[in-house]
Amino acid sequence: MKITINKESPVPLRDQLVEQIGLDIASGVLKEKDKLPSIRALAQRLGIHHSTVTSAYNHLADVGLLEIRQGSGVRVAGTSTAPRTSESGKGIDSLLRIFLAQAADKGFSRQEVEQKLQKALQKKPVKRILVVDRNKDFHKLLHAELQPHFELPVEPMTHEELGNQMELLQDSLVVTSLYHIFPLQNFPVDPTRLVVCNIEPGREQLEVINSLPTGSIVMLVSVSPTLLKMARNVAAALRGEEIAIRTALTDERQEIEYMMQYVKAIICDRPSHPSVEQMSTRVPVHVFHLYSKGTIDSIKDRLAKWG
């Protein structure tokens, strides 16, 4: 686990830890059940107080990204809402044997199993893709990234909104990220119609920031204030006071046009790209995408097989 801490940055050390560990989990760098350094070990490694690491780990545990257990340390939390098995076989015959054995042990009859299976497989066709994200200001961004790839309507919503419209789960494919799977564990989501995807960690954009000469100014543009805050924290942890970071919402055209005179690079999200590209005359524009081609293909594959 690579973590960079900048003690001269205006971003609190705890927030730097939260953003970087959270990004590693969401992007798949840290995988389910991976063990993290102990609080004391990470604090010593980074040269910071152990209470800072404790606060960061507790926050990530509260949002469901980490599991902290006495005696077993800190690990990346599980990501599936479905029961797990230690069976090594991966074929469908092996899975069916496990299921039937468990059903028999719990006292269910063959007839009950057949009825439940028939009902489970006779589902309504998928009519929409629900993208679940607690940050409402992400919704425009999520829609802009996914809708061009699908004929079905893409409808972003929060967990609270889904909780008030539970009937939508009967004919929807649910897409969410590792950041937001934890609250969904209390929802009756069909695991065959649930795609938990990685988000892009922005490696290319971080390389751009890392390559800029000291004293440079980089501008971050997005439709989402939340994304701007996260990106600013990560960039500050990477370069600290070596470069200046300016942020602007997409509709702040006057600010963006003014900063064009001074910035060395602009990083924007997909919805912002057309307007930023139009305003840019000499400054390179780098577009950040939340979803990779592999993620898009995974959603299409799930739709084809279980939609």
Protein backbone atom coordinates (compact mmCIF):
# COMPACT_ATOMS: atom_id res chain seq x y z
CA MET A 1 0.00 0.00 0.00
CA LYS A 2 1.60 3.23 -1.19
CA ILE A 3 0.64 6.31 0.79
CA THR A 4 2.11 9.77 0.41
CA ILE A 5 1.68 12.22 3.29
CA ASN A 6 2.52 15.90 2.94
CA LYS A 7 2.75 17.55 6.35
CA GLU A 8 3.03 20.99 4.77
CA SER A 9 -0.28 20.62 2.92
CA PRO A 10 -3.35 22.57 4.13
CA VAL A 11 -5.34 19.32 3.80
CA PRO A 12 -5.55 17.55 7.21
CA LEU A 13 -3.40 14.42 7.47
CA ARG A 14 -6.43 12.34 8.39
CA ASP A 15 -8.22 13.43 5.18
CA GLN A 16 -5.14 12.62 3.10
CA LEU A 17 -5.17 9.09 4.53
CA VAL A 18 -8.93 8.65 4.01
CA GLU A 19 -8.82 9.77 0.39
CA GLN A 20 -5.84 7.64 -0.58
CA ILE A 21 -6.88 4.43 1.21
CA GLY A 22 -10.46 4.87 0.02
CA LEU A 23 -9.26 5.38 -3.57
CA ASP A 24 -7.06 2.26 -3.38
CA ILE A 25 -10.07 0.23 -2.25
CA ALA A 26 -12.50 1.72 -4.76
CA SER A 27 -10.07 1.21 -7.66
CA GLY A 28 -9.25 -2.40 -6.71
CA VAL A 29 -5.63 -1.79 -5.71
CA LEU A 30 -6.62 -3.03 -2.26
CA LYS A 31 -8.88 -6.04 -2.62
CA GLU A 32 -11.46 -7.67 -0.39
CA LYS A 33 -9.95 -9.09 2.82
CA ASP A 34 -6.52 -7.57 2.14
CA LYS A 35 -4.83 -6.79 5.46
CA LEU A 36 -3.69 -3.23 6.14
CA PRO A 37 -0.81 -2.20 8.39
CA SER A 38 -1.63 -1.90 12.07
CA ILE A 39 -2.38 1.57 13.41
CA ARG A 40 0.97 1.76 15.19
CA ALA A 41 2.94 0.40 12.22
CA LEU A 42 1.39 2.84 9.74
CA ALA A 43 1.82 5.77 12.12
CA GLN A 44 5.51 4.96 12.60
CA ARG A 45 6.04 4.47 8.88
CA LEU A 46 4.52 7.85 8.03
CA GLY A 47 5.92 9.67 11.06
CA ILE A 48 2.50 10.81 12.30
CA HIS A 49 0.52 10.38 15.52
CA HIS A 50 -1.32 7.08 15.91
CA SER A 51 -4.58 8.91 16.68
CA THR A 52 -4.56 10.29 13.11
CA VAL A 53 -4.39 6.78 11.68
CA THR A 54 -7.05 5.61 14.16
CA SER A 55 -9.40 8.38 13.05
CA ALA A 56 -8.88 7.58 9.35
CA TYR A 57 -9.38 3.82 9.85
CA ASN A 58 -12.51 4.39 11.97
CA HIS A 59 -14.01 6.67 9.33
CA LEU A 60 -13.39 4.10 6.58
CA ALA A 61 -14.89 1.40 8.80
CA ASP A 62 -17.98 3.55 9.45
CA VAL A 63 -18.68 3.84 5.70
CA GLY A 64 -18.19 0.10 5.22
CA LEU A 65 -14.81 0.04 3.46
CA LEU A 66 -12.76 -1.50 6.29
CA GLU A 67 -13.30 -4.13 8.97
CA ILE A 68 -11.55 -3.59 12.31
CA ARG A 69 -11.55 -6.66 14.53
CA GLN A 70 -9.75 -7.28 17.78
CA GLY A 71 -7.05 -9.87 17.23
CA SER A 72 -7.30 -9.98 13.42
CA GLY A 73 -6.32 -6.40 12.62
CA VAL A 74 -7.64 -4.13 9.87
CA ARG A 75 -8.84 -5.59 6.58
CA VAL A 76 -10.69 -4.44 3.50
CA ALA A 77 -14.39 -5.18 4.02
CA GLY A 78 -16.32 -7.76 2.01
CA THR A 79 -18.13 -6.38 -1.05
CA SER A 80 -20.86 -8.88 -1.78
CA THR A 81 -24.37 -8.97 -0.38
CA ALA A 82 -24.59 -12.70 -1.18
CA PRO A 83 -23.58 -15.46 1.27
CA ARG A 84 -20.03 -16.71 0.78
CA THR A 85 -18.61 -20.23 0.78
CA SER A 86 -15.17 -21.68 1.33
CA GLU A 87 -15.80 -24.35 -1.34
CA SER A 88 -12.96 -24.30 -3.87
CA GLY A 89 -15.08 -25.52 -6.80
CA LYS A 90 -16.21 -22.76 -9.15
CA GLY A 91 -18.43 -24.70 -11.58
CA ILE A 92 -22.20 -24.42 -11.55
CA ASP A 93 -22.55 -28.08 -10.49
CA SER A 94 -20.42 -27.40 -7.41
CA LEU A 95 -22.46 -24.29 -6.56
CA LEU A 96 -25.72 -26.24 -6.92
CA ARG A 97 -24.48 -29.03 -4.63
CA ILE A 98 -23.60 -26.48 -1.95
CA PHE A 99 -26.99 -24.77 -2.29
CA LEU A 100 -28.99 -28.01 -2.18
CA ALA A 101 -27.00 -29.32 0.80
CA GLN A 102 -27.60 -26.10 2.74
CA ALA A 103 -31.32 -26.10 1.81
CA ALA A 104 -31.67 -29.71 3.00
CA ASP A 105 -29.82 -29.01 6.25
CA LYS A 106 -32.21 -26.16 6.97
CA GLY A 107 -35.22 -28.42 6.48
CA PHE A 108 -36.53 -27.25 3.10
CA SER A 109 -38.15 -29.82 0.81
CA ARG A 110 -37.43 -30.50 -2.87
CA GLN A 111 -40.82 -29.00 -3.77
CA GLU A 112 -40.08 -25.78 -1.86
CA VAL A 113 -36.69 -25.45 -3.55
CA GLU A 114 -38.22 -26.00 -7.02
CA GLN A 115 -40.91 -23.38 -6.38
CA LYS A 116 -38.41 -20.80 -5.17
CA LEU A 117 -36.06 -21.42 -8.09
CA GLN A 118 -38.84 -21.10 -10.64
CA LYS A 119 -39.99 -17.86 -9.06
CA ALA A 120 -36.44 -16.47 -8.92
CA LEU A 121 -35.79 -17.23 -12.59
CA GLN A 122 -39.12 -15.86 -13.81
CA LYS A 123 -38.20 -12.23 -13.24
CA LYS A 124 -39.34 -9.12 -15.02
CA PRO A 125 -36.99 -7.95 -17.79
CA VAL A 126 -34.61 -5.15 -16.83
CA LYS A 127 -36.11 -1.80 -17.80
CA ARG A 128 -33.50 0.57 -16.39
CA ILE A 129 -30.01 0.84 -14.91
CA LEU A 130 -30.07 2.28 -11.39
CA VAL A 131 -26.75 3.86 -10.39
CA VAL A 132 -26.70 4.16 -6.61
CA ASP A 133 -24.47 6.86 -5.12
CA ARG A 134 -25.01 8.75 -1.87
CA ASN A 135 -23.47 11.93 -3.33
CA LYS A 136 -26.28 13.58 -5.24
CA ASP A 137 -23.93 16.00 -6.97
CA PHE A 138 -22.25 12.96 -8.60
CA HIS A 139 -25.45 12.00 -10.39
CA LYS A 140 -25.04 14.22 -13.44
CA LEU A 141 -21.50 12.90 -13.85
CA LEU A 142 -22.58 9.25 -13.53
CA HIS A 143 -25.37 9.72 -16.06
CA ALA A 144 -23.05 11.43 -18.56
CA GLU A 145 -20.51 8.61 -18.36
CA LEU A 146 -22.89 5.64 -18.59
CA GLN A 147 -25.87 6.70 -20.72
CA PRO A 148 -24.01 6.85 -24.09
CA HIS A 149 -23.17 3.14 -23.74
CA PHE A 150 -26.69 1.81 -23.13
CA GLU A 151 -30.13 1.91 -24.76
CA LEU A 152 -31.81 1.43 -21.38
CA PRO A 153 -32.31 4.62 -19.36
CA VAL A 154 -29.63 5.27 -16.72
CA GLU A 155 -31.14 6.66 -13.51
CA PRO A 156 -28.79 7.74 -10.69
CA MET A 157 -30.26 7.90 -7.20
CA THR A 158 -29.27 7.93 -3.55
CA HIS A 159 -29.81 5.05 -1.12
CA GLU A 160 -32.60 7.05 0.50
CA GLU A 161 -34.36 7.58 -2.82
CA LEU A 162 -34.11 3.87 -3.62
CA GLY A 163 -35.45 3.04 -0.18
CA ASN A 164 -38.61 5.00 -1.03
CA GLN A 165 -39.02 3.22 -4.39
CA MET A 166 -38.16 -0.38 -3.57
CA GLU A 167 -40.47 -1.64 -6.32
CA LEU A 168 -37.86 -0.49 -8.85
CA LEU A 169 -35.61 -3.38 -7.78
CA GLN A 170 -37.97 -5.84 -9.50
CA ASP A 171 -36.99 -4.71 -13.01
CA SER A 172 -33.68 -2.85 -12.63
CA LEU A 173 -29.99 -3.58 -12.83
CA VAL A 174 -28.27 -1.92 -9.87
CA VAL A 175 -24.79 -0.47 -10.39
CA THR A 176 -22.75 0.93 -7.53
CA SER A 177 -19.14 1.33 -6.44
CA LEU A 178 -17.26 -0.12 -3.49
CA TYR A 179 -17.73 3.24 -1.75
CA HIS A 180 -21.50 2.67 -1.59
CA ILE A 181 -22.10 -1.10 -1.33
CA PHE A 182 -22.32 -1.12 2.48
CA PRO A 183 -25.77 0.54 2.81
CA LEU A 184 -27.17 -1.74 0.07
CA GLN A 185 -26.64 -4.79 2.29
CA ASN A 186 -29.96 -3.93 3.95
CA PHE A 187 -31.82 -3.84 0.61
CA PRO A 188 -33.43 -6.89 -1.10
CA VAL A 189 -31.14 -6.58 -4.11
CA ASP A 190 -31.04 -9.56 -6.48
CA PRO A 191 -27.30 -10.41 -6.58
CA THR A 192 -27.63 -11.47 -10.23
CA ARG A 193 -28.70 -7.91 -11.02
CA LEU A 194 -26.10 -6.14 -8.93
CA VAL A 195 -22.81 -4.90 -10.40
CA VAL A 196 -20.24 -3.62 -7.89
CA CYS A 197 -17.64 -1.87 -9.99
CA ASN A 198 -14.29 -0.23 -9.49
CA ILE A 199 -13.85 3.44 -10.22
CA GLU A 200 -10.81 4.69 -12.05
CA PRO A 201 -8.09 5.91 -9.67
CA GLY A 202 -7.03 8.70 -12.04
CA ARG A 203 -3.50 7.40 -12.54
CA GLU A 204 -2.99 9.26 -15.83
CA GLN A 205 -4.19 12.52 -14.31
CA LEU A 206 -1.96 12.06 -11.25
CA GLU A 207 0.99 11.50 -13.58
CA VAL A 208 0.16 14.82 -15.27
CA ILE A 209 0.16 16.59 -11.89
CA ASN A 210 3.37 14.86 -10.85
CA SER A 211 5.13 15.91 -14.07
CA LEU A 212 4.41 19.64 -13.72
CA PRO A 213 7.32 21.86 -12.73
CA THR A 214 7.33 23.37 -9.24
CA GLY A 215 5.34 26.60 -9.15
CA SER A 216 2.84 25.46 -11.77
CA ILE A 217 -0.90 26.00 -11.51
CA VAL A 218 -3.33 23.21 -12.38
CA MET A 219 -7.09 23.70 -12.68
CA LEU A 220 -9.66 21.05 -11.77
CA VAL A 221 -13.13 21.46 -13.34
CA SER A 222 -16.20 19.34 -12.57
CA VAL A 223 -19.96 19.42 -12.24
CA SER A 224 -19.50 17.88 -8.78
CA PRO A 225 -18.26 19.83 -5.74
CA THR A 226 -17.63 16.49 -3.99
CA LEU A 227 -15.37 15.25 -6.79
CA LEU A 228 -13.49 18.56 -6.79
CA LYS A 229 -12.84 18.25 -3.05
CA MET A 230 -11.62 14.66 -3.36
CA ALA A 231 -9.38 15.49 -6.33
CA ARG A 232 -7.93 18.51 -4.57
CA ASN A 233 -7.09 16.45 -1.48
CA VAL A 234 -5.36 13.75 -3.51
CA ALA A 235 -3.42 16.30 -5.58
CA ALA A 236 -2.39 18.19 -2.44
CA ALA A 237 -1.14 14.98 -0.85
CA LEU A 238 0.90 14.29 -3.99
CA ARG A 239 2.55 17.68 -4.49
CA GLY A 240 1.67 19.74 -1.41
CA GLU A 241 2.80 23.36 -1.78
CA GLU A 242 4.95 22.63 -4.85
CA ILE A 243 2.11 23.47 -7.20
CA ALA A 244 -1.03 25.58 -6.88
CA ILE A 245 -4.40 23.89 -7.38
CA ARG A 246 -7.46 25.83 -8.47
CA THR A 247 -10.94 24.34 -8.70
CA ALA A 248 -14.03 25.52 -10.55
CA LEU A 249 -17.50 24.19 -11.22
CA THR A 250 -18.40 23.77 -14.87
CA ASP A 251 -20.77 26.74 -14.93
CA GLU A 252 -18.14 29.15 -13.51
CA ARG A 253 -17.08 30.17 -17.01
CA GLN A 254 -15.63 33.54 -16.04
CA GLU A 255 -13.29 31.94 -13.50
CA ILE A 256 -12.22 29.22 -15.95
CA GLU A 257 -11.57 31.70 -18.76
CA TYR A 258 -9.53 33.92 -16.43
CA MET A 259 -7.39 31.04 -15.15
CA MET A 260 -6.67 29.88 -18.71
CA GLN A 261 -4.01 32.60 -18.82
CA TYR A 262 -2.00 31.07 -15.99
CA VAL A 263 -2.57 27.31 -15.71
CA LYS A 264 -0.22 24.65 -17.06
CA ALA A 265 -2.89 21.95 -17.30
CA ILE A 266 -6.62 21.45 -16.89
CA ILE A 267 -8.21 18.25 -15.62
CA CYS A 268 -11.97 17.96 -16.04
CA ASP A 269 -14.74 15.37 -15.96
CA ARG A 270 -16.68 14.19 -18.99
CA PRO A 271 -19.70 16.53 -18.65
CA SER A 272 -17.35 19.53 -18.40
CA HIS A 273 -15.15 18.56 -21.33
CA PRO A 274 -17.10 20.17 -24.22
CA SER A 275 -17.26 23.62 -22.61
CA VAL A 276 -13.70 23.50 -21.24
CA GLU A 277 -12.33 22.36 -24.60
CA GLN A 278 -14.14 25.24 -26.28
CA MET A 279 -12.57 27.78 -23.93
CA SER A 280 -9.07 26.32 -24.04
CA THR A 281 -6.75 27.73 -26.68
CA ARG A 282 -3.28 26.75 -25.47
CA VAL A 283 -3.70 24.69 -22.30
CA PRO A 284 -3.85 20.88 -22.56
CA VAL A 285 -7.13 19.43 -21.28
CA HIS A 286 -7.11 15.98 -19.62
CA VAL A 287 -10.44 14.20 -19.16
CA PHE A 288 -11.05 12.08 -16.06
CA HIS A 289 -13.37 9.08 -16.45
CA LEU A 290 -14.92 7.31 -13.48
CA TYR A 291 -15.63 4.10 -15.41
CA SER A 292 -13.13 2.12 -17.46
CA LYS A 293 -14.00 0.20 -20.63
CA GLY A 294 -13.73 -3.00 -18.59
CA THR A 295 -16.40 -1.76 -16.19
CA ILE A 296 -18.73 -0.83 -19.05
CA ASP A 297 -18.21 -4.30 -20.56
CA SER A 298 -18.98 -5.94 -17.19
CA ILE A 299 -22.31 -4.11 -16.98
CA LYS A 300 -23.16 -5.11 -20.55
CA ASP A 301 -22.26 -8.73 -19.83
CA ARG A 302 -24.47 -8.84 -16.73
CA LEU A 303 -27.36 -7.36 -18.71
CA ALA A 304 -26.90 -9.92 -21.48
CA LYS A 305 -26.80 -12.89 -19.08
CA TRP A 306 -29.25 -11.85 -16.35
CA GLY A 307 -31.31 -8.98 -17.81
